[in-house]
Amino acid sequence: MEFEKFKYLENKYWKGETTIDEEAMLQEAVTMNPEYASPSLKAVFGYSSNLKEVKLPEQFEADFWNRVDEESGTAKVIPFRVDAFIRYAAVGIILLALSFSIGHFLMNNDDHTHTMSSSLATTEDTYQNPKEAFEEAKKALLYASVQMKKGTSKVNELKRLDQTMSAIESRH
């Protein structure tokens, strides 16, 4: 193969535009006239010729299919986790309630020219005495804490049930 045609094929090869026949011609030219080829092209075709000599052991295919058969019965199934579901459901409920209350507030506002911030700024305080307000807030937070503790105990029971069900499923 002449040098100019070789260089043309080499450039075409590096652009990824050669056909299989052209690559075979290029590989033959590299083995016949290695002085034409760039070091990179020599390396590529040298590696590919070495790969043809690599053989897998005869037992490889049998071992592979045996392993596939062993592992095919143990497919990983992602279990339904109640605690994760409850978290996402709670966030969804909070967002829904928040959007509903904002929408309700905006719809019931008689004068639509007022913004929410100006309406909230004109709201009067419920308690005149800061100590009274603090005690009332403390009661509300204590109540919320007690209710959260009750809910957490139920979630813990559900977690235990989920773990038990997962353990039973993994044994079968």
N, C-alpha and C. Protein backbone atom coordinates (compact mmCIF):
# COMPACT_ATOMS: atom_id res chain seq x y z
N MET A 1 0.86 -1.17 0.00
CA MET A 1 0.00 0.00 0.00
C MET A 1 0.91 1.23 0.00
N GLU A 2 0.54 2.19 -0.81
CA GLU A 2 1.35 3.40 -0.88
C GLU A 2 1.12 4.27 0.35
N PHE A 3 2.09 5.09 0.65
CA PHE A 3 2.12 5.90 1.87
C PHE A 3 0.93 6.85 1.95
N GLU A 4 0.56 7.54 0.88
CA GLU A 4 -0.54 8.52 0.91
C GLU A 4 -1.88 7.85 1.18
N LYS A 5 -2.10 6.69 0.55
CA LYS A 5 -3.35 5.96 0.80
C LYS A 5 -3.39 5.48 2.25
N PHE A 6 -2.23 5.04 2.76
CA PHE A 6 -2.15 4.59 4.14
C PHE A 6 -2.51 5.73 5.11
N LYS A 7 -1.93 6.90 4.90
CA LYS A 7 -2.20 8.05 5.78
C LYS A 7 -3.67 8.46 5.70
N TYR A 8 -4.25 8.38 4.48
CA TYR A 8 -5.67 8.70 4.31
C TYR A 8 -6.52 7.74 5.14
N LEU A 9 -6.22 6.43 5.07
CA LEU A 9 -6.97 5.44 5.84
C LEU A 9 -6.77 5.62 7.34
N GLU A 10 -5.53 5.97 7.73
CA GLU A 10 -5.26 6.18 9.15
C GLU A 10 -6.08 7.36 9.70
N ASN A 11 -6.12 8.46 8.96
CA ASN A 11 -6.93 9.62 9.40
C ASN A 11 -8.40 9.26 9.46
N LYS A 12 -8.85 8.51 8.45
CA LYS A 12 -10.24 8.07 8.43
C LYS A 12 -10.53 7.15 9.63
N TYR A 13 -9.57 6.30 9.99
CA TYR A 13 -9.72 5.40 11.14
C TYR A 13 -9.88 6.19 12.43
N TRP A 14 -9.05 7.20 12.63
CA TRP A 14 -9.11 7.97 13.87
C TRP A 14 -10.38 8.80 13.96
N LYS A 15 -11.00 9.11 12.83
CA LYS A 15 -12.29 9.82 12.84
C LYS A 15 -13.44 8.86 13.05
N GLY A 16 -13.17 7.55 12.99
CA GLY A 16 -14.22 6.55 13.19
C GLY A 16 -15.06 6.34 11.95
N GLU A 17 -14.49 6.57 10.77
CA GLU A 17 -15.26 6.50 9.53
C GLU A 17 -14.87 5.32 8.65
N THR A 18 -13.98 4.45 9.10
CA THR A 18 -13.54 3.34 8.25
C THR A 18 -14.54 2.20 8.29
N THR A 19 -14.57 1.44 7.21
CA THR A 19 -15.38 0.23 7.17
C THR A 19 -14.54 -0.92 7.71
N ILE A 20 -15.17 -2.06 7.86
CA ILE A 20 -14.45 -3.24 8.37
C ILE A 20 -13.36 -3.65 7.38
N ASP A 21 -13.68 -3.59 6.09
CA ASP A 21 -12.68 -3.95 5.07
C ASP A 21 -11.49 -2.99 5.11
N GLU A 22 -11.77 -1.69 5.27
CA GLU A 22 -10.69 -0.70 5.32
C GLU A 22 -9.81 -0.91 6.56
N GLU A 23 -10.44 -1.27 7.68
CA GLU A 23 -9.66 -1.55 8.89
C GLU A 23 -8.78 -2.77 8.70
N ALA A 24 -9.30 -3.78 8.01
CA ALA A 24 -8.50 -4.98 7.74
C ALA A 24 -7.31 -4.62 6.85
N MET A 25 -7.55 -3.76 5.82
CA MET A 25 -6.46 -3.32 4.95
C MET A 25 -5.43 -2.54 5.75
N LEU A 26 -5.90 -1.68 6.65
CA LEU A 26 -5.01 -0.86 7.47
C LEU A 26 -4.18 -1.75 8.40
N GLN A 27 -4.81 -2.75 8.99
CA GLN A 27 -4.08 -3.65 9.89
C GLN A 27 -3.02 -4.44 9.10
N GLU A 28 -3.37 -4.87 7.92
CA GLU A 28 -2.41 -5.59 7.09
C GLU A 28 -1.24 -4.68 6.72
N ALA A 29 -1.56 -3.41 6.40
CA ALA A 29 -0.51 -2.47 6.03
C ALA A 29 0.41 -2.18 7.21
N VAL A 30 -0.14 -2.14 8.42
CA VAL A 30 0.68 -1.90 9.62
C VAL A 30 1.65 -3.06 9.83
N THR A 31 1.19 -4.29 9.59
CA THR A 31 2.09 -5.43 9.78
C THR A 31 3.11 -5.53 8.65
N MET A 32 2.74 -5.13 7.42
CA MET A 32 3.65 -5.21 6.28
C MET A 32 4.64 -4.03 6.25
N ASN A 33 4.14 -2.81 6.56
CA ASN A 33 4.97 -1.60 6.51
C ASN A 33 4.84 -0.83 7.83
N PRO A 34 5.41 -1.33 8.91
CA PRO A 34 5.25 -0.66 10.20
C PRO A 34 5.85 0.75 10.24
N GLU A 35 6.74 1.06 9.32
CA GLU A 35 7.34 2.39 9.30
C GLU A 35 6.35 3.46 8.88
N TYR A 36 5.26 3.08 8.19
CA TYR A 36 4.23 4.04 7.78
C TYR A 36 3.35 4.46 8.97
N ALA A 37 3.15 3.55 9.88
CA ALA A 37 2.15 3.75 10.94
C ALA A 37 2.68 4.61 12.08
N SER A 38 1.76 5.34 12.68
CA SER A 38 2.10 6.12 13.88
C SER A 38 2.21 5.16 15.07
N PRO A 39 2.92 5.57 16.13
CA PRO A 39 3.04 4.69 17.30
C PRO A 39 1.68 4.32 17.90
N SER A 40 0.74 5.25 17.88
CA SER A 40 -0.59 4.97 18.44
C SER A 40 -1.30 3.88 17.65
N LEU A 41 -1.21 3.97 16.31
CA LEU A 41 -1.87 2.97 15.47
C LEU A 41 -1.20 1.61 15.64
N LYS A 42 0.13 1.59 15.75
CA LYS A 42 0.83 0.33 15.99
C LYS A 42 0.36 -0.29 17.30
N ALA A 43 0.20 0.55 18.32
CA ALA A 43 -0.24 0.03 19.63
C ALA A 43 -1.65 -0.55 19.55
N VAL A 44 -2.55 0.15 18.86
CA VAL A 44 -3.94 -0.32 18.76
C VAL A 44 -3.99 -1.66 18.05
N PHE A 45 -3.34 -1.76 16.90
CA PHE A 45 -3.39 -3.01 16.16
C PHE A 45 -2.55 -4.09 16.83
N GLY A 46 -1.52 -3.71 17.56
CA GLY A 46 -0.74 -4.69 18.32
C GLY A 46 -1.57 -5.31 19.42
N TYR A 47 -2.35 -4.47 20.12
CA TYR A 47 -3.22 -4.99 21.18
C TYR A 47 -4.29 -5.88 20.60
N SER A 48 -4.87 -5.48 19.48
CA SER A 48 -5.95 -6.28 18.92
C SER A 48 -5.44 -7.63 18.42
N SER A 49 -4.22 -7.69 17.91
CA SER A 49 -3.68 -8.98 17.48
C SER A 49 -3.36 -9.85 18.69
N ASN A 50 -2.93 -9.23 19.80
CA ASN A 50 -2.68 -10.00 21.02
C ASN A 50 -3.98 -10.53 21.62
N LEU A 51 -5.07 -9.80 21.45
CA LEU A 51 -6.35 -10.24 22.00
C LEU A 51 -6.87 -11.49 21.30
N LYS A 52 -6.51 -11.65 20.03
CA LYS A 52 -6.97 -12.84 19.30
C LYS A 52 -6.37 -14.10 19.89
N GLU A 53 -5.22 -13.97 20.53
CA GLU A 53 -4.55 -15.13 21.11
C GLU A 53 -5.09 -15.49 22.49
N VAL A 54 -5.84 -14.60 23.13
CA VAL A 54 -6.37 -14.85 24.47
C VAL A 54 -7.56 -15.80 24.36
N LYS A 55 -7.54 -16.84 25.13
CA LYS A 55 -8.63 -17.83 25.13
C LYS A 55 -9.13 -18.01 26.56
N LEU A 56 -10.42 -18.20 26.69
CA LEU A 56 -11.01 -18.48 27.99
C LEU A 56 -10.86 -19.97 28.28
N PRO A 57 -10.76 -20.33 29.56
CA PRO A 57 -10.69 -21.76 29.88
C PRO A 57 -11.98 -22.46 29.43
N GLU A 58 -11.88 -23.73 29.10
CA GLU A 58 -13.05 -24.46 28.60
C GLU A 58 -14.14 -24.57 29.65
N GLN A 59 -13.78 -24.58 30.91
CA GLN A 59 -14.75 -24.70 32.00
C GLN A 59 -15.47 -23.38 32.27
N PHE A 60 -15.02 -22.28 31.68
CA PHE A 60 -15.57 -20.96 31.97
C PHE A 60 -17.07 -20.88 31.73
N GLU A 61 -17.52 -21.34 30.56
CA GLU A 61 -18.95 -21.22 30.22
C GLU A 61 -19.81 -22.04 31.18
N ALA A 62 -19.38 -23.25 31.50
CA ALA A 62 -20.14 -24.09 32.42
C ALA A 62 -20.22 -23.45 33.80
N ASP A 63 -19.08 -22.91 34.28
CA ASP A 63 -19.07 -22.23 35.58
C ASP A 63 -19.99 -21.01 35.57
N PHE A 64 -19.95 -20.25 34.47
CA PHE A 64 -20.79 -19.06 34.35
C PHE A 64 -22.26 -19.42 34.46
N TRP A 65 -22.71 -20.42 33.69
CA TRP A 65 -24.14 -20.77 33.70
C TRP A 65 -24.54 -21.40 35.02
N ASN A 66 -23.66 -22.12 35.68
CA ASN A 66 -23.98 -22.66 37.00
C ASN A 66 -24.20 -21.53 38.00
N ARG A 67 -23.35 -20.54 37.92
CA ARG A 67 -23.48 -19.41 38.84
C ARG A 67 -24.77 -18.62 38.56
N VAL A 68 -25.12 -18.46 37.29
CA VAL A 68 -26.37 -17.78 36.94
C VAL A 68 -27.55 -18.54 37.50
N ASP A 69 -27.53 -19.87 37.36
CA ASP A 69 -28.63 -20.69 37.88
C ASP A 69 -28.74 -20.57 39.40
N GLU A 70 -27.60 -20.53 40.11
CA GLU A 70 -27.61 -20.40 41.56
C GLU A 70 -28.21 -19.07 42.01
N GLU A 71 -27.83 -17.99 41.31
CA GLU A 71 -28.24 -16.65 41.74
C GLU A 71 -29.58 -16.22 41.18
N SER A 72 -30.13 -16.95 40.22
CA SER A 72 -31.39 -16.53 39.61
C SER A 72 -32.56 -16.63 40.59
N GLY A 73 -32.47 -17.52 41.56
CA GLY A 73 -33.54 -17.65 42.54
C GLY A 73 -33.46 -16.62 43.65
N THR A 74 -32.36 -15.91 43.74
CA THR A 74 -32.18 -14.95 44.84
C THR A 74 -32.21 -13.53 44.31
N ALA A 75 -33.27 -13.22 43.59
CA ALA A 75 -33.39 -11.85 43.05
C ALA A 75 -33.64 -10.88 44.18
N LYS A 76 -33.00 -9.75 44.12
CA LYS A 76 -33.15 -8.73 45.16
C LYS A 76 -34.46 -7.99 44.91
N VAL A 77 -35.33 -8.01 45.90
CA VAL A 77 -36.58 -7.29 45.84
C VAL A 77 -36.52 -6.19 46.89
N ILE A 78 -36.78 -4.99 46.47
CA ILE A 78 -36.77 -3.88 47.42
C ILE A 78 -38.07 -3.96 48.23
N PRO A 79 -37.96 -4.17 49.54
CA PRO A 79 -39.18 -4.32 50.34
C PRO A 79 -39.89 -2.98 50.53
N PHE A 80 -41.19 -3.08 50.71
CA PHE A 80 -41.98 -1.90 51.02
C PHE A 80 -41.67 -1.52 52.45
N ARG A 81 -41.20 -0.30 52.65
CA ARG A 81 -40.84 0.14 53.99
C ARG A 81 -41.88 1.14 54.45
N VAL A 82 -42.56 0.78 55.51
CA VAL A 82 -43.63 1.60 56.05
C VAL A 82 -43.10 2.93 56.55
N ASP A 83 -41.95 2.92 57.23
CA ASP A 83 -41.43 4.16 57.80
C ASP A 83 -41.07 5.17 56.70
N ALA A 84 -40.53 4.69 55.60
CA ALA A 84 -40.21 5.61 54.49
C ALA A 84 -41.51 6.15 53.87
N PHE A 85 -42.50 5.29 53.74
CA PHE A 85 -43.78 5.73 53.19
C PHE A 85 -44.42 6.79 54.08
N ILE A 86 -44.36 6.58 55.39
CA ILE A 86 -44.97 7.53 56.33
C ILE A 86 -44.28 8.89 56.24
N ARG A 87 -42.96 8.88 56.11
CA ARG A 87 -42.23 10.16 55.99
C ARG A 87 -42.70 10.94 54.77
N TYR A 88 -42.73 10.28 53.64
CA TYR A 88 -43.13 10.98 52.41
C TYR A 88 -44.59 11.39 52.44
N ALA A 89 -45.43 10.55 53.02
CA ALA A 89 -46.84 10.89 53.13
C ALA A 89 -47.03 12.11 54.04
N ALA A 90 -46.27 12.18 55.13
CA ALA A 90 -46.38 13.32 56.05
C ALA A 90 -45.96 14.61 55.36
N VAL A 91 -44.89 14.56 54.60
CA VAL A 91 -44.44 15.75 53.89
C VAL A 91 -45.50 16.18 52.88
N GLY A 92 -46.09 15.21 52.19
CA GLY A 92 -47.14 15.52 51.22
C GLY A 92 -48.34 16.16 51.88
N ILE A 93 -48.74 15.64 53.03
CA ILE A 93 -49.90 16.19 53.74
C ILE A 93 -49.61 17.61 54.21
N ILE A 94 -48.42 17.83 54.72
CA ILE A 94 -48.05 19.18 55.18
C ILE A 94 -48.08 20.16 54.02
N LEU A 95 -47.51 19.79 52.89
CA LEU A 95 -47.51 20.68 51.73
C LEU A 95 -48.92 20.94 51.22
N LEU A 96 -49.74 19.91 51.21
CA LEU A 96 -51.13 20.08 50.78
C LEU A 96 -51.87 21.01 51.72
N ALA A 97 -51.72 20.83 53.03
CA ALA A 97 -52.41 21.68 53.99
C ALA A 97 -51.93 23.12 53.88
N LEU A 98 -50.64 23.31 53.70
CA LEU A 98 -50.08 24.65 53.57
C LEU A 98 -50.62 25.34 52.32
N SER A 99 -50.63 24.64 51.20
CA SER A 99 -51.13 25.26 49.98
C SER A 99 -52.62 25.54 50.08
N PHE A 100 -53.38 24.65 50.72
CA PHE A 100 -54.82 24.87 50.89
C PHE A 100 -55.07 26.10 51.77
N SER A 101 -54.33 26.23 52.87
CA SER A 101 -54.58 27.37 53.76
C SER A 101 -54.17 28.68 53.10
N ILE A 102 -53.10 28.70 52.33
CA ILE A 102 -52.72 29.93 51.63
C ILE A 102 -53.78 30.28 50.59
N GLY A 103 -54.24 29.27 49.86
CA GLY A 103 -55.30 29.51 48.87
C GLY A 103 -56.57 30.00 49.52
N HIS A 104 -56.93 29.40 50.63
CA HIS A 104 -58.14 29.80 51.36
C HIS A 104 -58.00 31.24 51.84
N PHE A 105 -56.83 31.59 52.35
CA PHE A 105 -56.59 32.94 52.83
C PHE A 105 -56.73 33.94 51.68
N LEU A 106 -56.14 33.63 50.56
CA LEU A 106 -56.19 34.56 49.43
C LEU A 106 -57.59 34.68 48.86
N MET A 107 -58.38 33.62 48.86
CA MET A 107 -59.73 33.66 48.31
C MET A 107 -60.69 34.42 49.22
N ASN A 108 -60.48 34.33 50.53
CA ASN A 108 -61.39 34.97 51.47
C ASN A 108 -61.00 36.41 51.79
N ASN A 109 -59.93 36.87 51.24
CA ASN A 109 -59.50 38.24 51.49
C ASN A 109 -60.45 39.17 50.71
N ASP A 110 -61.19 40.05 51.44
CA ASP A 110 -62.18 40.92 50.79
C ASP A 110 -61.53 41.89 49.82
N ASP A 111 -60.46 42.51 50.24
CA ASP A 111 -59.80 43.48 49.39
C ASP A 111 -58.57 42.80 48.77
N HIS A 112 -58.67 42.41 47.51
CA HIS A 112 -57.59 41.67 46.87
C HIS A 112 -56.37 42.52 46.58
N THR A 113 -56.45 43.80 46.84
CA THR A 113 -55.29 44.66 46.60
C THR A 113 -54.27 44.53 47.71
N HIS A 114 -54.70 44.08 48.91
CA HIS A 114 -53.75 43.89 50.00
C HIS A 114 -52.92 42.63 49.74
N THR A 115 -51.69 42.72 50.09
CA THR A 115 -50.84 41.53 49.97
C THR A 115 -50.90 40.76 51.27
N MET A 116 -50.40 39.57 51.24
CA MET A 116 -50.43 38.75 52.44
C MET A 116 -49.60 39.38 53.55
N SER A 117 -48.49 39.97 53.22
CA SER A 117 -47.62 40.54 54.26
C SER A 117 -48.29 41.73 54.93
N SER A 118 -49.01 42.56 54.19
CA SER A 118 -49.67 43.69 54.83
C SER A 118 -50.83 43.23 55.69
N SER A 119 -51.52 42.15 55.28
CA SER A 119 -52.61 41.62 56.09
C SER A 119 -52.08 41.02 57.37
N LEU A 120 -50.96 40.34 57.30
CA LEU A 120 -50.39 39.76 58.50
C LEU A 120 -49.82 40.82 59.42
N ALA A 121 -49.34 41.91 58.87
CA ALA A 121 -48.76 42.98 59.68
C ALA A 121 -49.82 43.68 60.51
N THR A 122 -51.07 43.71 60.04
CA THR A 122 -52.14 44.40 60.77
C THR A 122 -52.83 43.49 61.79
N THR A 123 -52.47 42.21 61.84
CA THR A 123 -53.09 41.29 62.78
C THR A 123 -52.64 41.65 64.20
N GLU A 124 -53.61 41.63 65.12
CA GLU A 124 -53.29 41.96 66.51
C GLU A 124 -52.79 40.73 67.23
N ASP A 125 -52.01 40.93 68.30
CA ASP A 125 -51.52 39.84 69.11
C ASP A 125 -52.66 39.26 69.93
N THR A 126 -52.60 37.95 70.17
CA THR A 126 -53.63 37.30 70.98
C THR A 126 -53.42 37.60 72.46
N TYR A 127 -52.17 37.63 72.89
CA TYR A 127 -51.85 37.87 74.29
C TYR A 127 -51.13 39.21 74.45
N GLN A 128 -51.55 39.96 75.44
CA GLN A 128 -50.91 41.24 75.72
C GLN A 128 -49.67 41.04 76.59
N ASN A 129 -49.69 40.03 77.42
CA ASN A 129 -48.60 39.75 78.34
C ASN A 129 -47.67 38.70 77.72
N PRO A 130 -46.36 38.99 77.59
CA PRO A 130 -45.44 38.03 77.00
C PRO A 130 -45.32 36.73 77.80
N LYS A 131 -45.43 36.81 79.11
CA LYS A 131 -45.35 35.59 79.93
C LYS A 131 -46.54 34.68 79.64
N GLU A 132 -47.71 35.26 79.48
CA GLU A 132 -48.91 34.50 79.16
C GLU A 132 -48.74 33.80 77.80
N ALA A 133 -48.22 34.54 76.85
CA ALA A 133 -48.01 33.99 75.51
C ALA A 133 -46.99 32.85 75.56
N PHE A 134 -45.93 33.02 76.35
CA PHE A 134 -44.91 31.99 76.49
C PHE A 134 -45.51 30.72 77.09
N GLU A 135 -46.31 30.85 78.15
CA GLU A 135 -46.92 29.70 78.80
C GLU A 135 -47.87 28.98 77.83
N GLU A 136 -48.61 29.71 77.06
CA GLU A 136 -49.56 29.12 76.10
C GLU A 136 -48.79 28.37 75.00
N ALA A 137 -47.69 28.97 74.55
CA ALA A 137 -46.87 28.31 73.53
C ALA A 137 -46.24 27.04 74.10
N LYS A 138 -45.82 27.09 75.36
CA LYS A 138 -45.23 25.94 76.02
C LYS A 138 -46.24 24.79 76.10
N LYS A 139 -47.49 25.12 76.45
CA LYS A 139 -48.54 24.10 76.52
C LYS A 139 -48.76 23.46 75.14
N ALA A 140 -48.80 24.30 74.13
CA ALA A 140 -49.04 23.79 72.77
C ALA A 140 -47.90 22.87 72.33
N LEU A 141 -46.67 23.26 72.62
CA LEU A 141 -45.53 22.43 72.24
C LEU A 141 -45.48 21.13 73.03
N LEU A 142 -45.86 21.18 74.31
CA LEU A 142 -45.91 19.98 75.12
C LEU A 142 -46.96 19.01 74.58
N TYR A 143 -48.11 19.55 74.21
CA TYR A 143 -49.17 18.73 73.63
C TYR A 143 -48.69 18.08 72.32
N ALA A 144 -48.02 18.88 71.49
CA ALA A 144 -47.51 18.35 70.22
C ALA A 144 -46.48 17.26 70.47
N SER A 145 -45.64 17.45 71.50
CA SER A 145 -44.61 16.47 71.84
C SER A 145 -45.23 15.15 72.27
N VAL A 146 -46.27 15.21 73.10
CA VAL A 146 -46.94 14.00 73.57
C VAL A 146 -47.56 13.26 72.39
N GLN A 147 -48.19 14.00 71.50
CA GLN A 147 -48.82 13.37 70.33
C GLN A 147 -47.77 12.75 69.40
N MET A 148 -46.64 13.44 69.26
CA MET A 148 -45.57 12.90 68.42
C MET A 148 -45.02 11.60 69.01
N LYS A 149 -44.90 11.57 70.35
CA LYS A 149 -44.37 10.37 71.02
C LYS A 149 -45.33 9.20 70.81
N LYS A 150 -46.64 9.45 70.88
CA LYS A 150 -47.62 8.39 70.62
C LYS A 150 -47.48 7.88 69.18
N GLY A 151 -47.34 8.80 68.25
CA GLY A 151 -47.20 8.41 66.84
C GLY A 151 -45.92 7.66 66.58
N THR A 152 -44.85 8.05 67.26
CA THR A 152 -43.55 7.39 67.07
C THR A 152 -43.61 5.95 67.56
N SER A 153 -44.32 5.70 68.67
CA SER A 153 -44.40 4.34 69.17
C SER A 153 -45.14 3.45 68.16
N LYS A 154 -46.15 3.98 67.50
CA LYS A 154 -46.87 3.20 66.49
C LYS A 154 -45.97 2.93 65.28
N VAL A 155 -45.19 3.92 64.90
CA VAL A 155 -44.27 3.75 63.77
C VAL A 155 -43.22 2.70 64.11
N ASN A 156 -42.72 2.69 65.35
CA ASN A 156 -41.74 1.69 65.77
C ASN A 156 -42.32 0.28 65.70
N GLU A 157 -43.60 0.14 66.07
CA GLU A 157 -44.25 -1.16 65.95
C GLU A 157 -44.32 -1.58 64.48
N LEU A 158 -44.64 -0.63 63.61
CA LEU A 158 -44.71 -0.93 62.18
C LEU A 158 -43.34 -1.30 61.63
N LYS A 159 -42.28 -0.64 62.13
CA LYS A 159 -40.92 -0.98 61.70
C LYS A 159 -40.58 -2.41 62.09
N ARG A 160 -40.92 -2.78 63.32
CA ARG A 160 -40.65 -4.15 63.77
C ARG A 160 -41.39 -5.16 62.91
N LEU A 161 -42.65 -4.85 62.58
CA LEU A 161 -43.43 -5.73 61.72
C LEU A 161 -42.77 -5.85 60.35
N ASP A 162 -42.32 -4.73 59.79
CA ASP A 162 -41.66 -4.72 58.49
C ASP A 162 -40.38 -5.54 58.51
N GLN A 163 -39.60 -5.41 59.59
CA GLN A 163 -38.36 -6.17 59.71
C GLN A 163 -38.65 -7.67 59.81
N THR A 164 -39.69 -8.02 60.56
CA THR A 164 -40.06 -9.41 60.70
C THR A 164 -40.50 -10.00 59.35
N MET A 165 -41.32 -9.23 58.62
CA MET A 165 -41.78 -9.70 57.32
C MET A 165 -40.61 -9.84 56.35
N SER A 166 -39.65 -8.92 56.41
CA SER A 166 -38.47 -9.01 55.53
C SER A 166 -37.65 -10.24 55.87
N ALA A 167 -37.51 -10.53 57.17
CA ALA A 167 -36.74 -11.70 57.58
C ALA A 167 -37.42 -12.98 57.12
N ILE A 168 -38.74 -13.03 57.20
CA ILE A 168 -39.49 -14.20 56.76
C ILE A 168 -39.34 -14.38 55.26
N GLU A 169 -39.46 -13.29 54.52
CA GLU A 169 -39.33 -13.34 53.05
C GLU A 169 -37.94 -13.78 52.62
N SER A 170 -36.92 -13.34 53.36
CA SER A 170 -35.54 -13.69 52.97
C SER A 170 -35.24 -15.17 53.21
N ARG A 171 -35.97 -15.80 54.12
CA ARG A 171 -35.75 -17.22 54.40
C ARG A 171 -36.37 -18.10 53.30
N HIS A 172 -37.37 -17.57 52.63
CA HIS A 172 -38.04 -18.39 51.59
C HIS A 172 -37.41 -18.18 50.30
